[in-house]
Amino acid sequence: MRQGCARARPCQYAAAPPTDKLVVRGTREVIMSRRISVLAWVVVGAAYLGACEKEVPPLPPPPAVKPVPPPPSADADAAAKPKMVANSDGLSLTERIAKREAAEKKVADELAVQEHDRLVKADRAKLPLHMQVFAFITKTRAQYDALEKKLKGTTDKEAAKSDYAKLAGGLNASIVAMGKKMETIDPKGGNSNVTTDYDVMLNALATTYPVALSAAVEGDVRALDELKVDFDKRVVKITAWLEELKAKPKK
């Protein structure tokens, strides 16, 4: 009875498989694999050596530090300062200041005298014109003062202001003409002691004086009082100056 199949043994005369070819092929593959590995390591090593052989650029040198000079010695500092020299006049500081101020005042007084004499000489040469201008100013102001006295206490304020306006209008042309004559005294300026005063007074008589009189009618006398004070000061100055011009010059 057959219970199973049994594998027959190979024949001893059958040809053996070509194991020698397989060994040779395997050996070649191992050798080629080793050659490739060695070649790769050679390439990597050459690249690494080439990179190492490149020169690295040197770092820039650090900035030079200036040496700190030593502090000056006390002897050198004392030698650099100017030495104090005592004054030979024997005066104290206060006395020297007073002496200097006295010398400066003396020079200023001498210059003031020279300027005064120069103006006297210039104005004296135009004395007739001075007399005309000042007489006109005095006469014109007297006309305003006379009208103010006449209208004092009036109850008709509008009529009083109208009277001041009429007087100012009648005097305007003569004031302008006298102003032009006054300018011939000192055409260039700086050569008269009183032409500035003339100019201020003539302008006031033409404009601010009648306006101040009209304001006083309404009870506001501040502007008129200030004008009168200013006029009086200038009159005193001009009167004294013209008296000096009339006097005989000192030899």
Protein backbone atom coordinates (compact mmCIF):
# COMPACT_ATOMS: atom_id res chain seq x y z
CA MET A 1 0.00 0.00 0.00
CA ARG A 2 1.43 3.48 -1.00
CA GLN A 3 1.44 5.84 1.94
CA GLY A 4 3.25 8.76 0.34
CA CYS A 5 5.67 10.02 -2.20
CA ALA A 6 9.38 9.95 -1.47
CA ARG A 7 11.83 12.28 -3.12
CA ALA A 8 14.33 10.40 -5.15
CA ARG A 9 18.00 11.11 -4.61
CA PRO A 10 19.67 12.82 -7.45
CA CYS A 11 21.76 10.81 -9.70
CA GLN A 12 25.33 10.82 -8.83
CA TYR A 13 26.20 11.11 -12.48
CA ALA A 14 24.06 14.22 -13.08
CA ALA A 15 25.86 17.47 -13.75
CA ALA A 16 26.41 19.77 -10.69
CA PRO A 17 25.10 23.35 -10.82
CA PRO A 18 27.64 25.94 -11.89
CA THR A 19 28.49 27.20 -8.44
CA ASP A 20 31.93 28.49 -9.53
CA LYS A 21 30.37 31.11 -11.81
CA LEU A 22 28.16 32.37 -9.04
CA VAL A 23 31.12 32.75 -6.71
CA VAL A 24 33.12 34.61 -9.32
CA ARG A 25 30.24 36.98 -10.07
CA GLY A 26 29.71 37.69 -6.36
CA THR A 27 33.38 38.34 -5.86
CA ARG A 28 33.44 40.86 -8.71
CA GLU A 29 30.46 42.70 -7.30
CA VAL A 30 32.10 42.93 -3.89
CA ILE A 31 35.34 44.20 -5.43
CA MET A 32 33.52 46.84 -7.52
CA SER A 33 31.54 47.99 -4.50
CA ARG A 34 34.72 48.40 -2.50
CA ARG A 35 36.37 50.34 -5.33
CA ILE A 36 33.42 52.72 -5.55
CA SER A 37 33.50 53.28 -1.78
CA VAL A 38 37.21 53.97 -1.81
CA LEU A 39 36.83 56.36 -4.77
CA ALA A 40 34.04 58.27 -2.96
CA TRP A 41 36.21 58.66 0.11
CA VAL A 42 39.07 59.88 -2.05
CA VAL A 43 36.84 62.52 -3.69
CA VAL A 44 35.46 63.72 -0.34
CA GLY A 45 38.93 63.88 1.16
CA ALA A 46 40.27 65.84 -1.82
CA ALA A 47 37.42 68.33 -1.56
CA TYR A 48 38.01 68.73 2.18
CA LEU A 49 41.74 69.22 1.66
CA GLY A 50 41.06 71.78 -1.08
CA ALA A 51 38.74 73.72 1.17
CA CYS A 52 41.28 73.72 3.96
CA GLU A 53 44.06 74.83 1.65
CA LYS A 54 42.18 78.12 0.82
CA GLU A 55 43.60 81.03 2.77
CA VAL A 56 41.20 82.75 5.18
CA PRO A 57 41.41 86.58 4.80
CA PRO A 58 43.00 88.13 7.87
CA LEU A 59 40.84 90.22 10.23
CA PRO A 60 41.31 94.01 10.10
CA PRO A 61 43.59 95.37 12.80
CA PRO A 62 41.86 97.05 15.79
CA PRO A 63 41.73 100.88 15.74
CA ALA A 64 44.66 102.61 17.26
CA VAL A 65 43.99 104.01 20.71
CA LYS A 66 45.42 107.48 21.30
CA PRO A 67 47.37 107.62 24.48
CA VAL A 68 45.82 109.84 27.14
CA PRO A 69 48.17 112.72 27.93
CA PRO A 70 49.10 112.96 31.56
CA PRO A 71 47.51 115.84 33.52
CA PRO A 72 49.65 118.97 33.68
CA SER A 73 51.64 119.31 36.77
CA ALA A 74 51.04 122.11 39.23
CA ASP A 75 54.33 123.75 38.25
CA ALA A 76 53.48 123.77 34.52
CA ASP A 77 49.99 125.19 35.19
CA ALA A 78 51.41 127.94 37.32
CA ALA A 79 53.96 128.80 34.63
CA ALA A 80 51.26 129.07 31.95
CA LYS A 81 49.24 131.66 33.90
CA PRO A 82 50.36 135.28 33.60
CA LYS A 83 51.88 136.59 36.70
CA MET A 84 50.10 139.33 38.58
CA VAL A 85 52.07 142.50 38.51
CA ALA A 86 51.44 145.01 41.23
CA ASN A 87 50.49 148.52 40.09
CA SER A 88 53.15 151.08 40.61
CA ASP A 89 50.71 153.94 41.27
CA GLY A 90 50.00 152.79 44.78
CA LEU A 91 46.22 153.12 44.31
CA SER A 92 43.60 150.65 45.40
CA LEU A 93 41.11 149.11 42.98
CA THR A 94 38.38 151.54 44.05
CA GLU A 95 40.68 154.51 43.59
CA ARG A 96 41.74 153.36 40.14
CA ILE A 97 38.08 152.96 39.06
CA ALA A 98 37.26 156.44 40.33
CA LYS A 99 40.29 157.82 38.51
CA ARG A 100 39.26 156.17 35.25
CA GLU A 101 35.67 157.41 35.55
CA ALA A 102 36.90 160.93 36.19
CA ALA A 103 39.08 160.76 33.08
CA GLU A 104 36.16 159.48 30.98
CA LYS A 105 33.90 162.26 32.29
CA LYS A 106 36.51 164.84 31.43
CA VAL A 107 36.69 163.59 27.85
CA ALA A 108 32.87 163.51 27.58
CA ASP A 109 32.61 167.07 28.90
CA GLU A 110 35.20 168.27 26.39
CA LEU A 111 33.32 166.61 23.53
CA ALA A 112 30.02 168.14 24.75
CA VAL A 113 31.59 171.59 24.78
CA GLN A 114 32.90 171.09 21.25
CA GLU A 115 29.46 169.96 20.04
CA HIS A 116 27.77 172.88 21.78
CA ASP A 117 30.12 175.37 20.16
CA ARG A 118 29.55 173.78 16.74
CA LEU A 119 25.76 174.05 17.03
CA VAL A 120 25.96 177.63 18.29
CA LYS A 121 28.03 178.58 15.30
CA ALA A 122 25.63 176.86 12.86
CA ASP A 123 22.42 178.27 14.41
CA ARG A 124 23.86 181.74 14.85
CA ALA A 125 24.39 181.92 11.09
CA LYS A 126 20.61 181.35 10.67
CA LEU A 127 19.43 183.50 13.58
CA PRO A 128 16.89 185.60 11.58
CA LEU A 129 15.13 182.42 10.42
CA HIS A 130 15.08 181.12 13.98
CA MET A 131 13.40 184.29 15.16
CA GLN A 132 10.72 184.08 12.44
CA VAL A 133 9.87 180.44 13.07
CA PHE A 134 9.71 180.79 16.84
CA ALA A 135 7.64 183.97 16.64
CA PHE A 136 5.14 182.23 14.35
CA ILE A 137 4.84 179.24 16.71
CA THR A 138 4.28 181.55 19.67
CA LYS A 139 1.66 183.59 17.81
CA THR A 140 -0.23 180.52 16.53
CA ARG A 141 -0.41 178.92 19.94
CA ALA A 142 -1.63 182.23 21.38
CA GLN A 143 -4.52 182.18 18.91
CA TYR A 144 -5.62 178.75 20.11
CA ASP A 145 -5.24 179.79 23.75
CA ALA A 146 -7.32 182.93 23.14
CA LEU A 147 -10.15 180.92 21.59
CA GLU A 148 -10.00 178.41 24.43
CA LYS A 149 -10.35 181.25 26.93
CA LYS A 150 -13.26 182.70 24.97
CA LEU A 151 -15.14 179.39 24.81
CA LYS A 152 -14.49 178.40 28.39
CA GLY A 153 -17.73 177.52 30.15
CA THR A 154 -19.81 177.47 26.98
CA THR A 155 -22.79 175.16 26.93
CA ASP A 156 -22.91 174.82 23.18
CA LYS A 157 -20.26 172.14 22.75
CA GLU A 158 -20.87 171.57 19.07
CA ALA A 159 -20.45 175.27 18.31
CA ALA A 160 -17.22 175.35 20.33
CA LYS A 161 -15.78 172.36 18.46
CA SER A 162 -16.79 173.96 15.18
CA ASP A 163 -14.93 177.14 16.14
CA TYR A 164 -11.73 175.16 16.86
CA ALA A 165 -12.04 173.37 13.52
CA LYS A 166 -12.48 176.69 11.67
CA LEU A 167 -9.40 178.18 13.35
CA ALA A 168 -7.31 175.10 12.53
CA GLY A 169 -8.43 175.24 8.90
CA GLY A 170 -7.54 178.91 8.63
CA LEU A 171 -4.06 178.35 10.10
CA ASN A 172 -3.18 175.21 8.12
CA ALA A 173 -1.71 176.94 5.04
CA SER A 174 0.49 179.29 7.06
CA ILE A 175 1.73 176.43 9.25
CA VAL A 176 2.74 174.43 6.16
CA ALA A 177 4.56 177.45 4.70
CA MET A 178 6.44 178.09 7.93
CA GLY A 179 7.39 174.43 8.08
CA LYS A 180 9.07 174.70 4.68
CA LYS A 181 10.94 177.82 5.80
CA MET A 182 12.04 176.07 8.96
CA GLU A 183 13.59 173.25 6.91
CA THR A 184 16.03 175.73 5.32
CA ILE A 185 17.68 176.27 8.69
CA ASP A 186 19.13 172.76 8.71
CA PRO A 187 18.47 170.99 5.39
CA LYS A 188 20.73 167.99 6.04
CA GLY A 189 19.97 167.63 9.74
CA GLY A 190 22.30 167.40 12.71
CA ASN A 191 23.43 171.05 12.56
CA SER A 192 20.84 172.76 14.77
CA ASN A 193 19.91 172.51 18.41
CA VAL A 194 16.22 173.47 18.08
CA THR A 195 14.87 172.59 14.62
CA THR A 196 13.52 169.29 15.97
CA ASP A 197 11.55 171.27 18.56
CA TYR A 198 10.18 173.56 15.85
CA ASP A 199 9.06 170.57 13.81
CA VAL A 200 7.25 168.91 16.72
CA MET A 201 5.46 172.13 17.70
CA LEU A 202 4.35 173.00 14.15
CA ASN A 203 2.93 169.50 13.62
CA ALA A 204 1.06 169.70 16.92
CA LEU A 205 -0.46 173.08 16.04
CA ALA A 206 -1.67 171.68 12.72
CA THR A 207 -3.18 168.43 14.08
CA THR A 208 -3.15 167.35 17.72
CA TYR A 209 -3.61 170.77 19.36
CA PRO A 210 -7.08 171.54 17.88
CA VAL A 211 -8.14 167.92 18.43
CA ALA A 212 -7.14 168.14 22.09
CA LEU A 213 -9.08 171.40 22.47
CA SER A 214 -12.21 169.75 21.05
CA ALA A 215 -11.79 166.79 23.44
CA ALA A 216 -11.50 169.23 26.33
CA VAL A 217 -14.92 170.62 25.40
CA GLU A 218 -16.32 167.14 26.14
CA GLY A 219 -14.51 167.11 29.47
CA ASP A 220 -11.40 165.07 28.49
CA VAL A 221 -8.49 167.43 29.17
CA ARG A 222 -5.66 164.85 29.45
CA ALA A 223 -4.33 165.27 25.91
CA LEU A 224 -4.51 169.07 26.10
CA ASP A 225 -2.68 169.16 29.44
CA GLU A 226 0.11 166.92 28.10
CA LEU A 227 0.50 169.11 25.01
CA LYS A 228 0.72 172.26 27.09
CA VAL A 229 3.38 170.78 29.35
CA ASP A 230 5.42 169.67 26.34
CA PHE A 231 5.06 173.06 24.65
CA ASP A 232 6.15 174.91 27.79
CA LYS A 233 9.32 172.80 28.12
CA ARG A 234 10.27 173.42 24.50
CA VAL A 235 9.55 177.13 24.78
CA VAL A 236 11.93 177.40 27.74
CA LYS A 237 14.66 175.54 25.83
CA ILE A 238 14.25 177.58 22.62
CA THR A 239 14.09 180.91 24.44
CA ALA A 240 17.36 180.21 26.28
CA TRP A 241 19.02 179.03 23.09
CA LEU A 242 18.02 182.08 21.07
CA GLU A 243 19.28 184.35 23.86
CA GLU A 244 22.64 182.62 23.65
CA LEU A 245 22.68 183.05 19.88
CA LYS A 246 21.96 186.76 20.23
CA ALA A 247 24.86 187.22 22.61
CA LYS A 248 28.21 188.24 21.19
CA PRO A 249 30.46 185.26 20.51
CA LYS A 250 33.33 184.74 22.91
CA LYS A 251 36.77 185.54 21.56
